[in-house]
Protein backbone atom coordinates (compact mmCIF):
# COMPACT_ATOMS: atom_id res chain seq x y z
CA MET A 1 -0.30 -0.07 0.17
CA GLU A 2 1.19 3.72 -1.22
CA LYS A 3 0.39 6.65 1.21
CA LEU A 4 1.21 9.72 -1.45
CA VAL A 5 3.82 12.48 0.42
CA SER A 6 4.28 15.06 -2.35
CA ARG A 7 3.42 15.42 -6.08
CA ASN A 8 5.44 17.36 -8.74
CA ARG A 9 2.34 18.87 -10.29
CA LYS A 10 4.12 21.41 -12.47
CA ALA A 11 6.29 18.28 -13.71
CA PHE A 12 3.05 17.27 -16.30
CA HIS A 13 3.07 20.80 -17.33
CA ASP A 14 6.37 21.79 -18.17
CA TYR A 15 7.54 18.05 -19.37
CA HIS A 16 6.14 15.25 -21.68
CA ILE A 17 7.14 12.40 -19.61
CA GLU A 18 7.97 9.32 -21.31
CA GLU A 19 8.83 6.51 -18.76
CA THR A 20 8.51 6.06 -14.71
CA TYR A 21 10.94 4.45 -12.60
CA GLU A 22 10.96 3.67 -8.78
CA ALA A 23 14.22 4.66 -7.02
CA GLY A 24 14.76 4.48 -2.87
CA ILE A 25 16.33 7.30 -1.06
CA VAL A 26 18.82 7.92 1.31
CA LEU A 27 17.67 10.41 3.99
CA GLN A 28 19.13 11.14 7.92
CA GLY A 29 17.39 10.96 11.09
CA THR A 30 14.84 13.95 10.97
CA GLU A 31 14.38 14.21 7.55
CA VAL A 32 12.37 10.75 7.60
CA LYS A 33 10.15 12.82 10.22
CA SER A 34 9.43 15.50 7.71
CA VAL A 35 8.57 13.65 4.61
CA ARG A 36 6.12 11.44 6.77
CA GLY A 37 4.55 14.78 7.79
CA ALA A 38 4.31 15.89 4.12
CA ARG A 39 6.92 18.93 4.14
CA VAL A 40 8.52 18.22 1.36
CA ASN A 41 8.93 20.07 -2.28
CA LEU A 42 9.49 18.75 -5.19
CA ARG A 43 9.88 21.90 -7.49
CA ASP A 44 12.77 22.49 -9.62
CA SER A 45 13.82 19.33 -8.82
CA TYR A 46 16.07 17.04 -10.79
CA ALA A 47 18.17 13.64 -10.73
CA ARG A 48 21.57 13.28 -12.28
CA VAL A 49 23.76 10.38 -12.61
CA GLU A 50 27.30 11.07 -11.57
CA GLY A 51 30.13 8.56 -10.97
CA GLY A 52 27.79 5.45 -12.23
CA GLU A 53 25.49 6.93 -8.99
CA LEU A 54 21.87 8.55 -9.11
CA TYR A 55 21.51 11.54 -7.17
CA LEU A 56 18.46 14.17 -6.51
CA PHE A 57 19.08 17.86 -6.38
CA ASN A 58 17.23 20.69 -4.86
CA MET A 59 14.51 18.92 -3.24
CA HIS A 60 13.28 20.64 -0.36
CA ILE A 61 12.64 18.90 2.89
CA SER A 62 11.56 21.53 5.54
CA PRO A 63 13.57 21.32 8.96
CA TYR A 64 11.67 18.84 11.60
CA ASP A 65 10.48 21.23 14.25
CA PRO A 66 11.42 19.03 17.47
CA GLY A 67 14.86 18.24 15.60
CA ASN A 68 16.91 21.03 16.58
CA ARG A 69 20.58 20.59 16.21
CA TYR A 70 19.93 17.20 14.28
CA ASN A 71 18.65 19.10 11.27
CA HIS A 72 19.94 18.60 8.20
CA ASP A 73 20.53 21.21 5.31
CA PRO A 74 16.97 21.57 3.24
CA ARG A 75 18.23 21.53 -0.08
CA ARG A 76 21.16 19.20 0.12
CA THR A 77 21.80 16.65 -2.48
CA ARG A 78 20.37 13.12 -1.83
CA LYS A 79 21.38 9.77 -2.98
CA LEU A 80 18.98 7.76 -5.02
CA LEU A 81 19.16 4.00 -4.75
CA MET A 82 18.64 1.76 -7.94
CA HIS A 83 19.76 -0.92 -9.56
CA LYS A 84 23.73 -0.43 -11.50
CA ALA A 85 22.12 -1.56 -14.66
CA GLU A 86 18.85 0.62 -14.03
CA ILE A 87 21.66 3.63 -13.57
CA GLY A 88 23.28 2.51 -16.47
CA ARG A 89 20.32 2.35 -18.77
CA LEU A 90 19.09 5.91 -17.39
CA ALA A 91 22.49 7.62 -17.54
CA GLY A 92 22.39 6.38 -21.81
CA LYS A 93 19.23 7.76 -22.47
CA VAL A 94 19.92 11.22 -20.33
CA GLN A 95 22.69 11.48 -22.73
CA GLU A 96 20.40 11.63 -25.56
CA LYS A 97 19.43 15.39 -26.63
CA GLY A 98 16.60 16.76 -24.64
CA TYR A 99 15.72 14.19 -21.69
CA THR A 100 16.02 14.78 -17.87
CA LEU A 101 15.10 13.00 -14.92
CA ILE A 102 12.45 14.88 -13.07
CA PRO A 103 11.02 13.43 -9.57
CA LEU A 104 7.50 12.90 -10.19
CA LYS A 105 6.35 11.91 -6.29
CA ILE A 106 7.30 10.63 -3.25
CA TYR A 107 5.78 8.43 -1.48
CA LEU A 108 5.68 5.69 1.61
CA LYS A 109 5.68 2.27 0.25
CA ARG A 110 5.82 -0.58 3.10
CA GLY A 111 7.31 1.99 5.59
CA LEU A 112 10.12 3.27 3.15
CA VAL A 113 10.35 6.49 1.33
CA LYS A 114 10.44 5.91 -2.41
CA VAL A 115 10.51 8.14 -5.29
CA GLU A 116 9.22 8.07 -8.48
CA LEU A 117 11.18 9.30 -11.36
CA GLY A 118 10.23 10.37 -14.90
CA LEU A 119 12.23 10.53 -17.99
CA ALA A 120 10.68 13.58 -19.54
CA ARG A 121 11.46 15.43 -22.86
CA GLY A 122 10.80 19.25 -22.43
CA LYS A 123 7.76 20.93 -23.79
CA ARG A 124 7.66 23.63 -25.72
CA LEU A 125 5.69 26.70 -25.59
CA TYR A 126 2.91 25.76 -28.20
CA ASP A 127 2.62 22.45 -26.72
CA LYS A 128 1.64 23.39 -23.34
CA ARG A 129 -1.17 26.01 -25.07
CA ARG A 130 -1.96 23.07 -27.05
CA SER A 131 -2.65 20.76 -23.70
CA ILE A 132 -4.43 23.75 -22.16
CA ALA A 133 -6.82 23.93 -24.81
CA GLU A 134 -7.20 20.26 -25.14
CA ARG A 135 -7.84 20.15 -21.31
CA ASP A 136 -10.76 23.25 -21.75
CA GLN A 137 -11.96 20.91 -24.72
CA ARG A 138 -12.59 17.76 -22.47
CA ARG A 139 -14.18 19.75 -19.58
CA GLU A 140 -16.83 21.39 -21.99
CA MET A 141 -17.46 18.20 -23.44
CA GLU A 142 -17.91 16.53 -19.93
CA ARG A 143 -19.67 19.63 -18.99
CA ALA A 144 -22.12 19.25 -22.18
CA HIS A 145 -22.77 15.63 -21.65
CA LYS A 146 -23.56 16.06 -17.74
CA GLU A 147 -26.08 18.59 -18.99
CA ARG A 148 -27.90 16.33 -21.43
CA LEU A 149 -27.83 13.79 -18.79
CA GLN A 150 -29.90 15.82 -16.47
CA ASN A 151 -32.54 17.24 -19.13
CA SER A 152 -33.23 13.86 -20.38
């Protein structure tokens, strides 16, 4: 059973998500308590392969209030845990033009903190406009369908 902690809503607006991967994350003491309290912000965070290992940059985990001197830097670089073969495959795909690794959500799975990474390609401005227009069109169709059902 999964408990969603935080979702990166902006990722689906700014990127085309091609594939998703699950990774564990190395956290220290009070960070786990902050994550369990949903005090996490994924905006502007990204993952990168360095030296055969996967790291998550710019993820903000708020300091745990009762943690006092045991708290850690909120924006420190955190290591992600995946199999070596998966990391190698991801590194190859990220080398391709325009791909990046974006954290999509953080959740608890059987008591462990997991990160869902998306292999993403950046959207152009006209792609974003098209997505918004399609969403509005879908809403209008649903609204019209609902009215027809109510009137009959």
